[in-house]
């Protein structure tokens, strides 16, 4: 499954996110703490998208 990287502005702050899975599928949000990396979720996100896609 392809992962898309994006930056979105929220209240004047740039928020980086990674998106994977079908656009019409259910949404899930995996949060991490500072200064951890969202890359730690790569193995989990592929499993999540496989289960829902």
N, C-alpha and C. Protein backbone atom coordinates (compact mmCIF):
# COMPACT_ATOMS: atom_id res chain seq x y z
N UNK A 1 0.84 -1.17 0.00
CA UNK A 1 0.00 0.00 0.00
C UNK A 1 0.89 1.24 0.00
N UNK A 2 0.57 2.18 -0.84
CA UNK A 2 1.34 3.42 -0.95
C UNK A 2 1.03 4.36 0.22
N UNK A 3 2.07 4.99 0.75
CA UNK A 3 1.92 5.99 1.81
C UNK A 3 2.19 7.37 1.23
N UNK A 4 1.30 8.31 1.52
CA UNK A 4 1.42 9.68 1.04
C UNK A 4 1.81 10.57 2.22
N UNK A 5 2.79 11.43 2.01
CA UNK A 5 3.23 12.37 3.04
C UNK A 5 2.63 13.74 2.72
N UNK A 6 2.13 14.40 3.74
CA UNK A 6 1.52 15.72 3.52
C UNK A 6 1.76 16.61 4.73
N UNK A 7 1.65 17.91 4.52
CA UNK A 7 1.70 18.88 5.59
C UNK A 7 0.43 19.72 5.51
N UNK A 8 -0.25 19.86 6.63
CA UNK A 8 -1.50 20.60 6.71
C UNK A 8 -1.35 21.71 7.73
N UNK A 9 -1.89 22.88 7.44
CA UNK A 9 -1.84 23.97 8.42
C UNK A 9 -3.06 23.89 9.33
N UNK A 10 -2.79 23.89 10.64
CA UNK A 10 -3.84 23.87 11.65
C UNK A 10 -3.55 24.99 12.64
N UNK A 11 -4.42 25.96 12.72
CA UNK A 11 -4.24 27.12 13.61
C UNK A 11 -2.86 27.76 13.45
N UNK A 12 -2.41 27.88 12.22
CA UNK A 12 -1.14 28.53 11.93
C UNK A 12 0.09 27.64 12.10
N UNK A 13 -0.10 26.38 12.49
CA UNK A 13 1.02 25.45 12.65
C UNK A 13 1.03 24.44 11.52
N UNK A 14 2.22 24.09 11.06
CA UNK A 14 2.34 23.04 10.04
C UNK A 14 2.36 21.68 10.74
N UNK A 15 1.43 20.82 10.36
CA UNK A 15 1.31 19.49 10.94
C UNK A 15 1.61 18.48 9.84
N UNK A 16 2.64 17.65 10.07
CA UNK A 16 3.04 16.63 9.09
C UNK A 16 2.23 15.37 9.34
N UNK A 17 1.79 14.72 8.25
CA UNK A 17 1.07 13.45 8.41
C UNK A 17 1.43 12.49 7.30
N UNK A 18 1.16 11.23 7.56
CA UNK A 18 1.32 10.16 6.59
C UNK A 18 -0.05 9.53 6.41
N UNK A 19 -0.45 9.34 5.16
CA UNK A 19 -1.76 8.76 4.87
C UNK A 19 -1.57 7.50 4.05
N UNK A 20 -2.35 6.47 4.37
CA UNK A 20 -2.31 5.22 3.62
C UNK A 20 -3.70 4.60 3.63
N UNK A 21 -3.99 3.82 2.65
CA UNK A 21 -5.28 3.13 2.59
C UNK A 21 -6.24 3.79 1.63
N UNK A 22 -7.38 3.15 1.43
CA UNK A 22 -8.36 3.67 0.48
C UNK A 22 -9.00 4.97 0.99
N UNK A 23 -9.25 5.90 0.08
CA UNK A 23 -9.85 7.19 0.43
C UNK A 23 -11.25 7.02 1.03
N UNK A 24 -11.97 5.99 0.60
CA UNK A 24 -13.34 5.79 1.09
C UNK A 24 -13.39 4.80 2.26
N UNK A 25 -12.24 4.41 2.79
CA UNK A 25 -12.18 3.48 3.92
C UNK A 25 -12.32 4.20 5.25
N UNK A 26 -12.43 3.42 6.33
CA UNK A 26 -12.52 4.04 7.65
C UNK A 26 -11.21 4.74 8.02
N UNK A 27 -11.32 5.82 8.79
CA UNK A 27 -10.14 6.59 9.18
C UNK A 27 -9.63 6.13 10.54
N UNK A 28 -8.34 6.18 10.71
CA UNK A 28 -7.72 5.89 12.00
C UNK A 28 -6.61 6.90 12.23
N UNK A 29 -6.40 7.28 13.47
CA UNK A 29 -5.39 8.27 13.80
C UNK A 29 -4.44 7.67 14.84
N UNK A 30 -3.16 7.56 14.49
CA UNK A 30 -2.14 7.05 15.40
C UNK A 30 -1.27 8.23 15.81
N UNK A 31 -1.28 8.57 17.07
CA UNK A 31 -0.52 9.71 17.58
C UNK A 31 0.79 9.24 18.19
N UNK A 32 1.79 10.08 18.12
CA UNK A 32 3.06 9.77 18.78
C UNK A 32 3.50 10.99 19.56
N UNK A 33 4.37 10.76 20.51
CA UNK A 33 4.85 11.86 21.36
C UNK A 33 6.13 12.46 20.83
N UNK A 34 6.40 13.66 21.23
CA UNK A 34 7.62 14.37 20.83
C UNK A 34 8.78 13.84 21.67
N UNK A 35 9.92 13.56 21.14
CA UNK A 35 10.34 13.74 19.76
C UNK A 35 10.32 12.45 18.95
N UNK A 36 9.46 11.51 19.29
CA UNK A 36 9.38 10.26 18.53
C UNK A 36 9.06 10.53 17.07
N UNK A 37 9.31 9.55 16.25
CA UNK A 37 9.08 9.70 14.82
C UNK A 37 7.83 8.93 14.39
N UNK A 38 7.08 9.50 13.45
CA UNK A 38 5.92 8.80 12.91
C UNK A 38 6.35 7.56 12.13
N UNK A 39 7.62 7.46 11.77
CA UNK A 39 8.12 6.27 11.07
C UNK A 39 8.00 5.02 11.93
N UNK A 40 7.91 5.19 13.25
CA UNK A 40 7.75 4.05 14.14
C UNK A 40 6.43 3.31 13.88
N UNK A 41 5.47 4.01 13.27
CA UNK A 41 4.17 3.41 12.99
C UNK A 41 4.10 2.73 11.62
N UNK A 42 5.14 2.78 10.83
CA UNK A 42 5.10 2.22 9.48
C UNK A 42 4.64 0.76 9.47
N UNK A 43 5.19 -0.12 10.30
CA UNK A 43 4.72 -1.51 10.29
C UNK A 43 3.25 -1.64 10.71
N UNK A 44 2.81 -0.80 11.62
CA UNK A 44 1.43 -0.87 12.10
C UNK A 44 0.46 -0.33 11.07
N UNK A 45 0.83 0.76 10.40
CA UNK A 45 -0.09 1.36 9.44
C UNK A 45 -0.34 0.44 8.26
N UNK A 46 0.67 -0.30 7.82
CA UNK A 46 0.45 -1.23 6.71
C UNK A 46 -0.49 -2.35 7.14
N UNK A 47 -0.40 -2.79 8.38
CA UNK A 47 -1.32 -3.81 8.89
C UNK A 47 -2.74 -3.28 9.01
N UNK A 48 -2.87 -2.03 9.44
CA UNK A 48 -4.19 -1.41 9.57
C UNK A 48 -4.87 -1.25 8.22
N UNK A 49 -4.11 -0.80 7.22
CA UNK A 49 -4.71 -0.60 5.91
C UNK A 49 -5.07 -1.93 5.26
N UNK A 50 -4.28 -2.97 5.52
CA UNK A 50 -4.59 -4.29 4.97
C UNK A 50 -5.88 -4.83 5.59
N UNK A 51 -6.09 -4.56 6.87
CA UNK A 51 -7.28 -5.06 7.56
C UNK A 51 -8.54 -4.34 7.13
N UNK A 52 -8.42 -3.06 6.72
CA UNK A 52 -9.61 -2.29 6.37
C UNK A 52 -9.81 -2.16 4.87
N UNK A 53 -8.76 -2.42 4.09
CA UNK A 53 -8.85 -2.19 2.65
C UNK A 53 -9.15 -3.43 1.95
